[in-house]
Amino acid sequence: LLDFLGHDPALFEAKKQAEDQVQKLQAELTQLKDKNEELTKAKDSAEKKLAHSITLNVKSHEPWQ
């Protein structure tokens, strides 16, 4: 049965299209993971800068001892 199905041009083409689609989706997933990592790093950097700015702002309003 598998030999018979393996030689069906329509099934062969459908399988080829499915494999192509899987490759495209895997490439897109890789790109999205990379973009997510980039955005996470940018968010972390922004949070650190904000925390530093808040610290400086609080210190600038502390009374002199």
PDB file of N, CA and C in Angstrom:
ATOM      1  N   LEU A   1       0.839  -1.203   0.000  1.00  0.00           N
ATOM      2  CA  LEU A   1       0.000   0.000   0.000  1.00  0.00           C
ATOM      3  C   LEU A   1       0.873   1.253   0.000  1.00  0.00           C
ATOM      4  N   LEU A   2       1.940   1.261   0.822  1.00  0.00           N
ATOM      5  CA  LEU A   2       2.809   2.435   0.866  1.00  0.00           C
ATOM      6  C   LEU A   2       3.497   2.671  -0.468  1.00  0.00           C
ATOM      7  N   ASP A   3       3.893   1.585  -1.138  1.00  0.00           N
ATOM      8  CA  ASP A   3       4.515   1.744  -2.448  1.00  0.00           C
ATOM      9  C   ASP A   3       3.534   2.375  -3.423  1.00  0.00           C
ATOM     10  N   PHE A   4       2.309   1.934  -3.365  1.00  0.00           N
ATOM     11  CA  PHE A   4       1.293   2.480  -4.262  1.00  0.00           C
ATOM     12  C   PHE A   4       1.071   3.965  -3.974  1.00  0.00           C
ATOM     13  N   LEU A   5       0.919   4.314  -2.691  1.00  0.00           N
ATOM     14  CA  LEU A   5       0.688   5.712  -2.327  1.00  0.00           C
ATOM     15  C   LEU A   5       1.905   6.572  -2.636  1.00  0.00           C
ATOM     16  N   GLY A   6       3.074   5.996  -2.476  1.00  0.00           N
ATOM     17  CA  GLY A   6       4.298   6.746  -2.723  1.00  0.00           C
ATOM     18  C   GLY A   6       4.461   7.156  -4.172  1.00  0.00           C
ATOM     19  N   HIS A   7       3.792   6.473  -5.074  1.00  0.00           N
ATOM     20  CA  HIS A   7       3.909   6.795  -6.490  1.00  0.00           C
ATOM     21  C   HIS A   7       2.748   7.636  -6.995  1.00  0.00           C
ATOM     22  N   ASP A   8       1.817   7.996  -6.144  1.00  0.00           N
ATOM     23  CA  ASP A   8       0.694   8.842  -6.553  1.00  0.00           C
ATOM     24  C   ASP A   8       1.198  10.276  -6.675  1.00  0.00           C
ATOM     25  N   PRO A   9       1.171  10.843  -7.877  1.00  0.00           N
ATOM     26  CA  PRO A   9       1.705  12.200  -8.073  1.00  0.00           C
ATOM     27  C   PRO A   9       1.017  13.254  -7.203  1.00  0.00           C
ATOM     28  N   ALA A  10      -0.275  13.119  -6.992  1.00  0.00           N
ATOM     29  CA  ALA A  10      -0.994  14.105  -6.174  1.00  0.00           C
ATOM     30  C   ALA A  10      -0.528  14.035  -4.723  1.00  0.00           C
ATOM     31  N   LEU A  11      -0.363  12.830  -4.206  1.00  0.00           N
ATOM     32  CA  LEU A  11       0.111  12.681  -2.830  1.00  0.00           C
ATOM     33  C   LEU A  11       1.557  13.136  -2.708  1.00  0.00           C
ATOM     34  N   PHE A  12       2.358  12.824  -3.716  1.00  0.00           N
ATOM     35  CA  PHE A  12       3.752  13.257  -3.707  1.00  0.00           C
ATOM     36  C   PHE A  12       3.823  14.781  -3.674  1.00  0.00           C
ATOM     37  N   GLU A  13       3.006  15.433  -4.490  1.00  0.00           N
ATOM     38  CA  GLU A  13       2.997  16.905  -4.533  1.00  0.00           C
ATOM     39  C   GLU A  13       2.484  17.484  -3.221  1.00  0.00           C
ATOM     40  N   ALA A  14       1.452  16.883  -2.651  1.00  0.00           N
ATOM     41  CA  ALA A  14       0.916  17.361  -1.371  1.00  0.00           C
ATOM     42  C   ALA A  14       1.967  17.223  -0.274  1.00  0.00           C
ATOM     43  N   LYS A  15       2.685  16.109  -0.288  1.00  0.00           N
ATOM     44  CA  LYS A  15       3.742  15.902   0.708  1.00  0.00           C
ATOM     45  C   LYS A  15       4.844  16.935   0.530  1.00  0.00           C
ATOM     46  N   LYS A  16       5.223  17.192  -0.708  1.00  0.00           N
ATOM     47  CA  LYS A  16       6.269  18.177  -0.998  1.00  0.00           C
ATOM     48  C   LYS A  16       5.837  19.564  -0.514  1.00  0.00           C
ATOM     49  N   GLN A  17       4.590  19.926  -0.798  1.00  0.00           N
ATOM     50  CA  GLN A  17       4.080  21.229  -0.357  1.00  0.00           C
ATOM     51  C   GLN A  17       4.049  21.314   1.163  1.00  0.00           C
ATOM     52  N   ALA A  18       3.652  20.238   1.815  1.00  0.00           N
ATOM     53  CA  ALA A  18       3.618  20.226   3.283  1.00  0.00           C
ATOM     54  C   ALA A  18       5.024  20.372   3.853  1.00  0.00           C
ATOM     55  N   GLU A  19       5.986  19.687   3.261  1.00  0.00           N
ATOM     56  CA  GLU A  19       7.370  19.797   3.729  1.00  0.00           C
ATOM     57  C   GLU A  19       7.908  21.208   3.517  1.00  0.00           C
ATOM     58  N   ASP A  20       7.577  21.805   2.373  1.00  0.00           N
ATOM     59  CA  ASP A  20       7.994  23.191   2.112  1.00  0.00           C
ATOM     60  C   ASP A  20       7.387  24.140   3.142  1.00  0.00           C
ATOM     61  N   GLN A  21       6.110  23.919   3.446  1.00  0.00           N
ATOM     62  CA  GLN A  21       5.435  24.771   4.424  1.00  0.00           C
ATOM     63  C   GLN A  21       6.069  24.612   5.804  1.00  0.00           C
ATOM     64  N   VAL A  22       6.412  23.386   6.176  1.00  0.00           N
ATOM     65  CA  VAL A  22       7.068  23.137   7.465  1.00  0.00           C
ATOM     66  C   VAL A  22       8.399  23.879   7.520  1.00  0.00           C
ATOM     67  N   GLN A  23       9.169  23.836   6.439  1.00  0.00           N
ATOM     68  CA  GLN A  23      10.452  24.545   6.405  1.00  0.00           C
ATOM     69  C   GLN A  23      10.248  26.047   6.562  1.00  0.00           C
ATOM     70  N   LYS A  24       9.244  26.588   5.873  1.00  0.00           N
ATOM     71  CA  LYS A  24       8.961  28.026   5.980  1.00  0.00           C
ATOM     72  C   LYS A  24       8.558  28.397   7.406  1.00  0.00           C
ATOM     73  N   LEU A  25       7.725  27.558   8.006  1.00  0.00           N
ATOM     74  CA  LEU A  25       7.279  27.830   9.372  1.00  0.00           C
ATOM     75  C   LEU A  25       8.428  27.714  10.368  1.00  0.00           C
ATOM     76  N   GLN A  26       9.320  26.763  10.144  1.00  0.00           N
ATOM     77  CA  GLN A  26      10.480  26.628  11.029  1.00  0.00           C
ATOM     78  C   GLN A  26      11.386  27.848  10.913  1.00  0.00           C
ATOM     79  N   ALA A  27      11.574  28.347   9.689  1.00  0.00           N
ATOM     80  CA  ALA A  27      12.393  29.544   9.491  1.00  0.00           C
ATOM     81  C   ALA A  27      11.734  30.749  10.153  1.00  0.00           C
ATOM     82  N   GLU A  28      10.413  30.858  10.005  1.00  0.00           N
ATOM     83  CA  GLU A  28       9.688  31.966  10.629  1.00  0.00           C
ATOM     84  C   GLU A  28       9.778  31.873  12.153  1.00  0.00           C
ATOM     85  N   LEU A  29       9.667  30.671  12.686  1.00  0.00           N
ATOM     86  CA  LEU A  29       9.770  30.475  14.131  1.00  0.00           C
ATOM     87  C   LEU A  29      11.144  30.906  14.633  1.00  0.00           C
ATOM     88  N   THR A  30      12.182  30.551  13.891  1.00  0.00           N
ATOM     89  CA  THR A  30      13.540  30.960  14.264  1.00  0.00           C
ATOM     90  C   THR A  30      13.650  32.477  14.277  1.00  0.00           C
ATOM     91  N   GLN A  31      13.103  33.130  13.259  1.00  0.00           N
ATOM     92  CA  GLN A  31      13.142  34.593  13.200  1.00  0.00           C
ATOM     93  C   GLN A  31      12.386  35.203  14.376  1.00  0.00           C
ATOM     94  N   LEU A  32      11.234  34.642  14.695  1.00  0.00           N
ATOM     95  CA  LEU A  32      10.442  35.166  15.807  1.00  0.00           C
ATOM     96  C   LEU A  32      11.152  34.958  17.143  1.00  0.00           C
ATOM     97  N   LYS A  33      11.819  33.823  17.301  1.00  0.00           N
ATOM     98  CA  LYS A  33      12.581  33.583  18.534  1.00  0.00           C
ATOM     99  C   LYS A  33      13.712  34.598  18.659  1.00  0.00           C
ATOM    100  N   ASP A  34      14.401  34.860  17.541  1.00  0.00           N
ATOM    101  CA  ASP A  34      15.487  35.843  17.555  1.00  0.00           C
ATOM    102  C   ASP A  34      14.958  37.230  17.892  1.00  0.00           C
ATOM    103  N   LYS A  35      13.829  37.603  17.297  1.00  0.00           N
ATOM    104  CA  LYS A  35      13.235  38.918  17.556  1.00  0.00           C
ATOM    105  C   LYS A  35      12.791  39.010  19.011  1.00  0.00           C
ATOM    106  N   ASN A  36      12.216  37.928  19.531  1.00  0.00           N
ATOM    107  CA  ASN A  36      11.787  37.904  20.926  1.00  0.00           C
ATOM    108  C   ASN A  36      12.975  38.095  21.858  1.00  0.00           C
ATOM    109  N   GLU A  37      14.089  37.431  21.546  1.00  0.00           N
ATOM    110  CA  GLU A  37      15.294  37.568  22.362  1.00  0.00           C
ATOM    111  C   GLU A  37      15.802  39.012  22.315  1.00  0.00           C
ATOM    112  N   GLU A  38      15.773  39.596  21.120  1.00  0.00           N
ATOM    113  CA  GLU A  38      16.211  40.984  20.951  1.00  0.00           C
ATOM    114  C   GLU A  38      15.325  41.933  21.764  1.00  0.00           C
ATOM    115  N   LEU A  39      14.016  41.732  21.693  1.00  0.00           N
ATOM    116  CA  LEU A  39      13.085  42.585  22.433  1.00  0.00           C
ATOM    117  C   LEU A  39      13.229  42.394  23.941  1.00  0.00           C
ATOM    118  N   THR A  40      13.481  41.173  24.368  1.00  0.00           N
ATOM    119  CA  THR A  40      13.675  40.903  25.794  1.00  0.00           C
ATOM    120  C   THR A  40      14.910  41.627  26.306  1.00  0.00           C
ATOM    121  N   LYS A  41      15.987  41.599  25.523  1.00  0.00           N
ATOM    122  CA  LYS A  41      17.205  42.308  25.919  1.00  0.00           C
ATOM    123  C   LYS A  41      16.956  43.812  25.992  1.00  0.00           C
ATOM    124  N   ALA A  42      16.227  44.350  25.026  1.00  0.00           N
ATOM    125  CA  ALA A  42      15.918  45.781  25.025  1.00  0.00           C
ATOM    126  C   ALA A  42      15.061  46.146  26.237  1.00  0.00           C
ATOM    127  N   LYS A  43      14.097  45.287  26.571  1.00  0.00           N
ATOM    128  CA  LYS A  43      13.238  45.531  27.734  1.00  0.00           C
ATOM    129  C   LYS A  43      14.060  45.519  29.013  1.00  0.00           C
ATOM    130  N   ASP A  44      14.932  44.521  29.142  1.00  0.00           N
ATOM    131  CA  ASP A  44      15.774  44.421  30.339  1.00  0.00           C
ATOM    132  C   ASP A  44      16.668  45.649  30.479  1.00  0.00           C
ATOM    133  N   SER A  45      17.227  46.095  29.364  1.00  0.00           N
ATOM    134  CA  SER A  45      18.090  47.274  29.382  1.00  0.00           C
ATOM    135  C   SER A  45      17.293  48.507  29.800  1.00  0.00           C
ATOM    136  N   ALA A  46      16.099  48.658  29.254  1.00  0.00           N
ATOM    137  CA  ALA A  46      15.257  49.802  29.597  1.00  0.00           C
ATOM    138  C   ALA A  46      14.871  49.768  31.075  1.00  0.00           C
ATOM    139  N   GLU A  47      14.580  48.584  31.598  1.00  0.00           N
ATOM    140  CA  GLU A  47      14.229  48.466  33.015  1.00  0.00           C
ATOM    141  C   GLU A  47      15.409  48.853  33.903  1.00  0.00           C
ATOM    142  N   LYS A  48      16.618  48.451  33.522  1.00  0.00           N
ATOM    143  CA  LYS A  48      17.804  48.813  34.303  1.00  0.00           C
ATOM    144  C   LYS A  48      18.027  50.319  34.280  1.00  0.00           C
ATOM    145  N   LYS A  49      17.850  50.920  33.097  1.00  0.00           N
ATOM    146  CA  LYS A  49      18.022  52.371  32.986  1.00  0.00           C
ATOM    147  C   LYS A  49      16.982  53.100  33.831  1.00  0.00           C
ATOM    148  N   LEU A  50      15.751  52.599  33.809  1.00  0.00           N
ATOM    149  CA  LEU A  50      14.695  53.213  34.604  1.00  0.00           C
ATOM    150  C   LEU A  50      15.009  53.100  36.090  1.00  0.00           C
ATOM    151  N   ALA A  51      15.436  51.938  36.531  1.00  0.00           N
ATOM    152  CA  ALA A  51      15.774  51.746  37.945  1.00  0.00           C
ATOM    153  C   ALA A  51      16.918  52.672  38.342  1.00  0.00           C
ATOM    154  N   HIS A  52      17.905  52.821  37.476  1.00  0.00           N
ATOM    155  CA  HIS A  52      19.034  53.708  37.760  1.00  0.00           C
ATOM    156  C   HIS A  52      18.558  55.162  37.843  1.00  0.00           C
ATOM    157  N   SER A  53      17.696  55.558  36.917  1.00  0.00           N
ATOM    158  CA  SER A  53      17.171  56.926  36.928  1.00  0.00           C
ATOM    159  C   SER A  53      16.370  57.200  38.196  1.00  0.00           C
ATOM    160  N   ILE A  54      15.579  56.224  38.613  1.00  0.00           N
ATOM    161  CA  ILE A  54      14.787  56.387  39.840  1.00  0.00           C
ATOM    162  C   ILE A  54      15.719  56.534  41.034  1.00  0.00           C
ATOM    163  N   THR A  55      16.757  55.708  41.080  1.00  0.00           N
ATOM    164  CA  THR A  55      17.731  55.793  42.177  1.00  0.00           C
ATOM    165  C   THR A  55      18.380  57.166  42.215  1.00  0.00           C
ATOM    166  N   LEU A  56      18.805  57.652  41.056  1.00  0.00           N
ATOM    167  CA  LEU A  56      19.430  58.980  41.001  1.00  0.00           C
ATOM    168  C   LEU A  56      18.448  60.067  41.415  1.00  0.00           C
ATOM    169  N   ASN A  57      17.207  59.933  40.991  1.00  0.00           N
ATOM    170  CA  ASN A  57      16.194  60.928  41.321  1.00  0.00           C
ATOM    171  C   ASN A  57      15.929  60.943  42.825  1.00  0.00           C
ATOM    172  N   VAL A  58      15.828  59.770  43.426  1.00  0.00           N
ATOM    173  CA  VAL A  58      15.595  59.681  44.870  1.00  0.00           C
ATOM    174  C   VAL A  58      16.779  60.270  45.624  1.00  0.00           C
ATOM    175  N   LYS A  59      17.995  59.928  45.198  1.00  0.00           N
ATOM    176  CA  LYS A  59      19.185  60.445  45.876  1.00  0.00           C
ATOM    177  C   LYS A  59      19.281  61.961  45.752  1.00  0.00           C
ATOM    178  N   SER A  60      18.849  62.494  44.629  1.00  0.00           N
ATOM    179  CA  SER A  60      18.948  63.944  44.441  1.00  0.00           C
ATOM    180  C   SER A  60      17.954  64.692  45.331  1.00  0.00           C
ATOM    181  N   HIS A  61      16.947  63.993  45.826  1.00  0.00           N
ATOM    182  CA  HIS A  61      15.959  64.624  46.697  1.00  0.00           C
ATOM    183  C   HIS A  61      16.183  64.305  48.171  1.00  0.00           C
ATOM    184  N   GLU A  62      17.247  63.548  48.485  1.00  0.00           N
ATOM    185  CA  GLU A  62      17.544  63.255  49.888  1.00  0.00           C
ATOM    186  C   GLU A  62      18.141  64.495  50.542  1.00  0.00           C
ATOM    187  N   PRO A  63      17.759  64.744  51.770  1.00  0.00           N
ATOM    188  CA  PRO A  63      18.361  65.892  52.467  1.00  0.00           C
ATOM    189  C   PRO A  63      19.836  65.629  52.755  1.00  0.00           C
ATOM    190  N   TRP A  64      20.624  66.678  52.703  1.00  0.00           N
ATOM    191  CA  TRP A  64      22.060  66.544  53.003  1.00  0.00           C
ATOM    192  C   TRP A  64      22.241  66.224  54.469  1.00  0.00           C
ATOM    193  N   GLN A  65      23.171  65.365  54.764  1.00  0.00           N
ATOM    194  CA  GLN A  65      23.393  64.985  56.162  1.00  0.00           C
ATOM    195  C   GLN A  65      24.572  65.710  56.726  1.00  0.00           C
TER     196      GLN A  65
END
